[in-house]
Amino acid sequence: MIVPDTEVPGIDTVHGRVDFLQLVGITQPELDWIAGESADGAADRARELVARMAANGDVRLTTDLDRTESFV
């Protein structure tokens, strides 16, 4: 998943604004849940997944390759 960077804020430059992004690893069941049966609501489900991950103590949204739990 791609989210706004959790540590580096965006900056304004003479050439315009630069916002930093972060890749977050998710499991296949989480991806399937976000995709759902249709694209309607996928963005809302993605935001909810990020909130669930952050609420579980992972506020930096660090990808843990050994994670076995699912947030859905």
Protein backbone atom coordinates (compact mmCIF):
# COMPACT_ATOMS: atom_id res chain seq x y z
CA MET A 1 0.00 0.00 0.00
CA ILE A 2 1.19 3.56 -0.58
CA VAL A 3 0.55 6.10 2.18
CA PRO A 4 1.88 9.55 3.08
CA ASP A 5 5.24 9.20 4.86
CA THR A 6 4.77 8.85 8.61
CA GLU A 7 8.03 10.61 9.50
CA VAL A 8 8.99 13.05 6.75
CA PRO A 9 6.60 15.96 6.22
CA GLY A 10 6.06 17.53 2.83
CA ILE A 11 7.98 20.64 1.87
CA ASP A 12 7.42 23.63 -0.37
CA THR A 13 10.23 24.33 -2.84
CA VAL A 14 10.79 26.96 -5.49
CA HIS A 15 9.56 24.37 -8.01
CA GLY A 16 6.41 23.46 -6.07
CA ARG A 17 5.36 21.17 -3.25
CA VAL A 18 7.03 17.83 -2.56
CA ASP A 19 5.15 15.24 -0.52
CA PHE A 20 6.88 12.05 0.52
CA LEU A 21 5.25 8.64 0.24
CA GLN A 22 5.85 5.36 2.00
CA LEU A 23 5.27 1.78 0.92
CA VAL A 24 3.53 -0.42 3.49
CA GLY A 25 3.57 -4.19 3.15
CA ILE A 26 0.21 -5.87 3.61
CA THR A 27 -0.94 -9.49 3.56
CA GLN A 28 -2.96 -11.10 0.80
CA PRO A 29 -6.12 -11.28 2.95
CA GLU A 30 -5.76 -7.55 3.68
CA LEU A 31 -5.39 -6.79 -0.03
CA ASP A 32 -8.41 -8.94 -0.83
CA TRP A 33 -10.43 -7.11 1.84
CA ILE A 34 -9.44 -3.70 0.44
CA ALA A 35 -10.29 -4.75 -3.12
CA GLY A 36 -13.61 -6.21 -2.00
CA GLU A 37 -16.13 -7.26 -4.59
CA SER A 38 -15.99 -3.86 -6.28
CA ALA A 39 -13.81 -0.78 -6.34
CA ASP A 40 -16.49 1.20 -4.51
CA GLY A 41 -15.22 1.90 -1.01
CA ALA A 42 -11.70 0.58 -1.58
CA ALA A 43 -10.14 3.90 -0.52
CA ASP A 44 -12.23 3.90 2.66
CA ARG A 45 -11.22 0.30 3.43
CA ALA A 46 -7.56 1.17 2.83
CA ARG A 47 -7.80 4.12 5.26
CA GLU A 48 -9.49 1.84 7.79
CA LEU A 49 -6.70 -0.73 7.45
CA VAL A 50 -4.07 1.96 8.06
CA ALA A 51 -6.00 3.10 11.13
CA ARG A 52 -6.19 -0.47 12.44
CA MET A 53 -2.46 -0.96 11.94
CA ALA A 54 -1.67 2.32 13.71
CA ALA A 55 -4.08 1.53 16.56
CA ASN A 56 -2.26 -1.75 17.09
CA GLY A 57 0.89 0.19 17.96
CA ASP A 58 2.48 0.41 14.51
CA VAL A 59 2.18 4.18 14.05
CA ARG A 60 5.15 4.22 11.66
CA LEU A 61 3.50 1.53 9.52
CA THR A 62 6.73 -0.46 9.39
CA THR A 63 6.65 -3.50 7.12
CA ASP A 64 7.29 -6.62 9.19
CA LEU A 65 8.15 -9.54 6.93
CA ASP A 66 7.54 -11.97 9.80
CA ARG A 67 4.06 -10.65 10.65
CA THR A 68 1.51 -13.45 10.78
CA GLU A 69 -1.49 -11.55 12.14
CA SER A 70 -4.03 -9.88 9.91
CA PHE A 71 -5.81 -6.62 10.64
CA VAL A 72 -9.00 -7.64 8.86
